[in-house]
Amino acid sequence: MARILIAEDDQSMSGFLVMALEKAGHKAVAAENGLDALKILEEDEKEFDLLLTDIVMPGMDGIELSNKATKLRENLKVMFITGFAAVAMGRDDLDADKAEILSKPFHLNDLVKQVETLLAA
């Protein structure tokens, strides 16, 4: 079982992600945006195995969050979910070779499969 931090500003999407990941046996903690997710990482003493973050969010986007999060937690794996994959791939601050990106819309089974593949790597 992995501990997964979800940063997603769409509450219904966040709920579906938590439900799917917990049904697959993981512990999921949801944050409404990048700022809240970073605060959780700073304050929670337990380790997270994965940060699952939307790229486009108000306040702090997912790429900025991932850069800060991996400085706080060096072993943290990151997966991005986005409806704007083409925009994400054009970002200079995103290492496309290392980034796992899942484009919306996606099936929750595909999400779980990709999460488990990333966690096993």
C-alpha atoms as a PDB file:
ATOM      1  CA  MET A   1       0.000   0.000   0.000  1.00  0.00           C
ATOM      2  CA  ALA A   2       1.360   3.402  -0.998  1.00  0.00           C
ATOM      3  CA  ARG A   3       0.580   6.822   0.460  1.00  0.00           C
ATOM      4  CA  ILE A   4      -0.449   9.143  -2.338  1.00  0.00           C
ATOM      5  CA  LEU A   5      -0.924  12.898  -2.139  1.00  0.00           C
ATOM      6  CA  ILE A   6      -3.422  14.216  -4.675  1.00  0.00           C
ATOM      7  CA  ALA A   7      -3.406  17.894  -5.695  1.00  0.00           C
ATOM      8  CA  GLU A   8      -6.507  18.566  -7.785  1.00  0.00           C
ATOM      9  CA  ASP A   9      -8.641  21.708  -7.762  1.00  0.00           C
ATOM     10  CA  ASP A  10     -11.724  19.983  -9.211  1.00  0.00           C
ATOM     11  CA  GLN A  11     -13.432  18.470  -6.154  1.00  0.00           C
ATOM     12  CA  SER A  12     -15.418  15.868  -8.077  1.00  0.00           C
ATOM     13  CA  MET A  13     -12.273  14.703  -9.918  1.00  0.00           C
ATOM     14  CA  SER A  14     -10.388  14.617  -6.620  1.00  0.00           C
ATOM     15  CA  GLY A  15     -13.116  12.461  -5.083  1.00  0.00           C
ATOM     16  CA  PHE A  16     -12.969  10.000  -7.976  1.00  0.00           C
ATOM     17  CA  LEU A  17      -9.171   9.801  -7.703  1.00  0.00           C
ATOM     18  CA  VAL A  18      -9.285   9.132  -3.963  1.00  0.00           C
ATOM     19  CA  MET A  19     -11.981   6.491  -4.420  1.00  0.00           C
ATOM     20  CA  ALA A  20     -10.136   4.670  -7.218  1.00  0.00           C
ATOM     21  CA  LEU A  21      -6.777   4.672  -5.442  1.00  0.00           C
ATOM     22  CA  GLU A  22      -8.222   3.560  -2.105  1.00  0.00           C
ATOM     23  CA  LYS A  23     -10.177   0.796  -3.837  1.00  0.00           C
ATOM     24  CA  ALA A  24      -6.816  -0.350  -5.270  1.00  0.00           C
ATOM     25  CA  GLY A  25      -5.446  -0.559  -1.720  1.00  0.00           C
ATOM     26  CA  HIS A  26      -3.593   2.745  -1.427  1.00  0.00           C
ATOM     27  CA  LYS A  27      -3.973   5.533   1.136  1.00  0.00           C
ATOM     28  CA  ALA A  28      -4.917   8.770  -0.628  1.00  0.00           C
ATOM     29  CA  VAL A  29      -4.781  12.267   0.859  1.00  0.00           C
ATOM     30  CA  ALA A  30      -6.399  15.054  -1.166  1.00  0.00           C
ATOM     31  CA  ALA A  31      -5.474  18.740  -1.364  1.00  0.00           C
ATOM     32  CA  GLU A  32      -7.537  21.352  -3.202  1.00  0.00           C
ATOM     33  CA  ASN A  33      -4.547  23.049  -4.821  1.00  0.00           C
ATOM     34  CA  GLY A  34      -0.769  23.169  -4.991  1.00  0.00           C
ATOM     35  CA  LEU A  35      -0.401  25.483  -2.007  1.00  0.00           C
ATOM     36  CA  ASP A  36      -2.415  23.145   0.239  1.00  0.00           C
ATOM     37  CA  ALA A  37      -0.502  20.116  -1.045  1.00  0.00           C
ATOM     38  CA  LEU A  38       2.837  21.740  -0.272  1.00  0.00           C
ATOM     39  CA  LYS A  39       1.634  22.590   3.233  1.00  0.00           C
ATOM     40  CA  ILE A  40       0.663  18.934   3.775  1.00  0.00           C
ATOM     41  CA  LEU A  41       4.113  17.815   2.641  1.00  0.00           C
ATOM     42  CA  GLU A  42       5.753  20.296   5.004  1.00  0.00           C
ATOM     43  CA  GLU A  43       3.621  19.368   8.023  1.00  0.00           C
ATOM     44  CA  ASP A  44       2.893  15.639   7.645  1.00  0.00           C
ATOM     45  CA  GLU A  45       5.593  13.539   9.271  1.00  0.00           C
ATOM     46  CA  LYS A  46       4.665  10.390   7.343  1.00  0.00           C
ATOM     47  CA  GLU A  47       6.262   9.771   3.981  1.00  0.00           C
ATOM     48  CA  PHE A  48       4.348   9.965   0.730  1.00  0.00           C
ATOM     49  CA  ASP A  49       5.279   7.600  -2.085  1.00  0.00           C
ATOM     50  CA  LEU A  50       3.632   9.561  -4.889  1.00  0.00           C
ATOM     51  CA  LEU A  51       2.417  13.050  -5.703  1.00  0.00           C
ATOM     52  CA  LEU A  52      -0.452  12.913  -8.189  1.00  0.00           C
ATOM     53  CA  THR A  53      -1.064  16.462  -9.330  1.00  0.00           C
ATOM     54  CA  ASP A  54      -3.059  18.382 -11.863  1.00  0.00           C
ATOM     55  CA  ILE A  55      -0.841  20.739 -13.832  1.00  0.00           C
ATOM     56  CA  VAL A  56      -3.231  23.676 -14.213  1.00  0.00           C
ATOM     57  CA  MET A  57      -4.367  24.940 -10.799  1.00  0.00           C
ATOM     58  CA  PRO A  58      -4.790  28.377  -9.233  1.00  0.00           C
ATOM     59  CA  GLY A  59      -2.160  29.652  -6.798  1.00  0.00           C
ATOM     60  CA  MET A  60       0.588  27.162  -7.576  1.00  0.00           C
ATOM     61  CA  ASP A  61       0.531  24.948 -10.633  1.00  0.00           C
ATOM     62  CA  GLY A  62       1.451  21.273 -10.543  1.00  0.00           C
ATOM     63  CA  ILE A  63       4.890  21.720 -12.095  1.00  0.00           C
ATOM     64  CA  GLU A  64       5.947  24.312  -9.519  1.00  0.00           C
ATOM     65  CA  LEU A  65       4.483  22.061  -6.818  1.00  0.00           C
ATOM     66  CA  SER A  66       6.434  19.049  -8.075  1.00  0.00           C
ATOM     67  CA  ASN A  67       9.689  21.030  -8.132  1.00  0.00           C
ATOM     68  CA  LYS A  68       9.202  22.162  -4.523  1.00  0.00           C
ATOM     69  CA  ALA A  69       7.863  18.809  -3.348  1.00  0.00           C
ATOM     70  CA  THR A  70      10.786  16.803  -4.674  1.00  0.00           C
ATOM     71  CA  LYS A  71      13.193  19.159  -2.905  1.00  0.00           C
ATOM     72  CA  LEU A  72      11.365  18.466   0.374  1.00  0.00           C
ATOM     73  CA  ARG A  73      10.998  14.728  -0.250  1.00  0.00           C
ATOM     74  CA  GLU A  74      13.756  13.448  -2.518  1.00  0.00           C
ATOM     75  CA  ASN A  75      12.244   9.966  -2.990  1.00  0.00           C
ATOM     76  CA  LEU A  76       8.808  11.282  -3.933  1.00  0.00           C
ATOM     77  CA  LYS A  77       7.582  10.093  -7.316  1.00  0.00           C
ATOM     78  CA  VAL A  78       5.397  12.445  -9.360  1.00  0.00           C
ATOM     79  CA  MET A  79       2.622  11.884 -11.861  1.00  0.00           C
ATOM     80  CA  PHE A  80       0.795  14.710 -13.615  1.00  0.00           C
ATOM     81  CA  ILE A  81      -2.812  14.656 -14.750  1.00  0.00           C
ATOM     82  CA  THR A  82      -3.954  17.324 -17.148  1.00  0.00           C
ATOM     83  CA  GLY A  83      -6.414  18.305 -19.791  1.00  0.00           C
ATOM     84  CA  PHE A  84      -3.674  20.414 -21.392  1.00  0.00           C
ATOM     85  CA  ALA A  85      -0.962  17.873 -22.276  1.00  0.00           C
ATOM     86  CA  ALA A  86       0.287  19.874 -25.263  1.00  0.00           C
ATOM     87  CA  VAL A  87       0.816  22.929 -23.069  1.00  0.00           C
ATOM     88  CA  ALA A  88       2.558  20.839 -20.429  1.00  0.00           C
ATOM     89  CA  MET A  89       4.948  19.279 -22.916  1.00  0.00           C
ATOM     90  CA  GLY A  90       6.037  22.740 -24.054  1.00  0.00           C
ATOM     91  CA  ARG A  91       7.095  23.876 -20.573  1.00  0.00           C
ATOM     92  CA  ASP A  92      10.814  24.425 -20.059  1.00  0.00           C
ATOM     93  CA  ASP A  93      10.569  23.567 -16.357  1.00  0.00           C
ATOM     94  CA  LEU A  94       9.108  20.098 -17.038  1.00  0.00           C
ATOM     95  CA  ASP A  95      11.525  17.282 -17.827  1.00  0.00           C
ATOM     96  CA  ALA A  96       9.349  15.389 -20.309  1.00  0.00           C
ATOM     97  CA  ASP A  97      11.631  12.348 -20.241  1.00  0.00           C
ATOM     98  CA  LYS A  98      11.140  11.909 -16.484  1.00  0.00           C
ATOM     99  CA  ALA A  99       7.563  13.138 -16.152  1.00  0.00           C
ATOM    100  CA  GLU A 100       4.636  10.767 -16.116  1.00  0.00           C
ATOM    101  CA  ILE A 101       1.669  12.550 -17.691  1.00  0.00           C
ATOM    102  CA  LEU A 102      -1.856  11.192 -17.902  1.00  0.00           C
ATOM    103  CA  SER A 103      -4.145  13.225 -20.148  1.00  0.00           C
ATOM    104  CA  LYS A 104      -7.771  13.893 -19.234  1.00  0.00           C
ATOM    105  CA  PRO A 105     -10.167  12.358 -19.858  1.00  0.00           C
ATOM    106  CA  PHE A 106      -8.917   8.977 -18.672  1.00  0.00           C
ATOM    107  CA  HIS A 107     -10.438   5.818 -17.268  1.00  0.00           C
ATOM    108  CA  LEU A 108      -9.837   5.295 -13.555  1.00  0.00           C
ATOM    109  CA  ASN A 109      -8.534   1.780 -14.263  1.00  0.00           C
ATOM    110  CA  ASP A 110      -5.855   3.304 -16.522  1.00  0.00           C
ATOM    111  CA  LEU A 111      -4.907   5.714 -13.743  1.00  0.00           C
ATOM    112  CA  VAL A 112      -4.519   2.893 -11.213  1.00  0.00           C
ATOM    113  CA  LYS A 113      -2.467   0.851 -13.675  1.00  0.00           C
ATOM    114  CA  GLN A 114      -0.108   3.767 -14.398  1.00  0.00           C
ATOM    115  CA  VAL A 115       0.214   4.601 -10.694  1.00  0.00           C
ATOM    116  CA  GLU A 116       1.127   1.018  -9.855  1.00  0.00           C
ATOM    117  CA  THR A 117       3.654   0.883 -12.717  1.00  0.00           C
ATOM    118  CA  LEU A 118       5.281   4.090 -11.525  1.00  0.00           C
ATOM    119  CA  LEU A 119       5.374   2.921  -7.907  1.00  0.00           C
ATOM    120  CA  ALA A 120       6.988  -0.375  -8.950  1.00  0.00           C
ATOM    121  CA  ALA A 121       9.723   1.393 -10.956  1.00  0.00           C
END
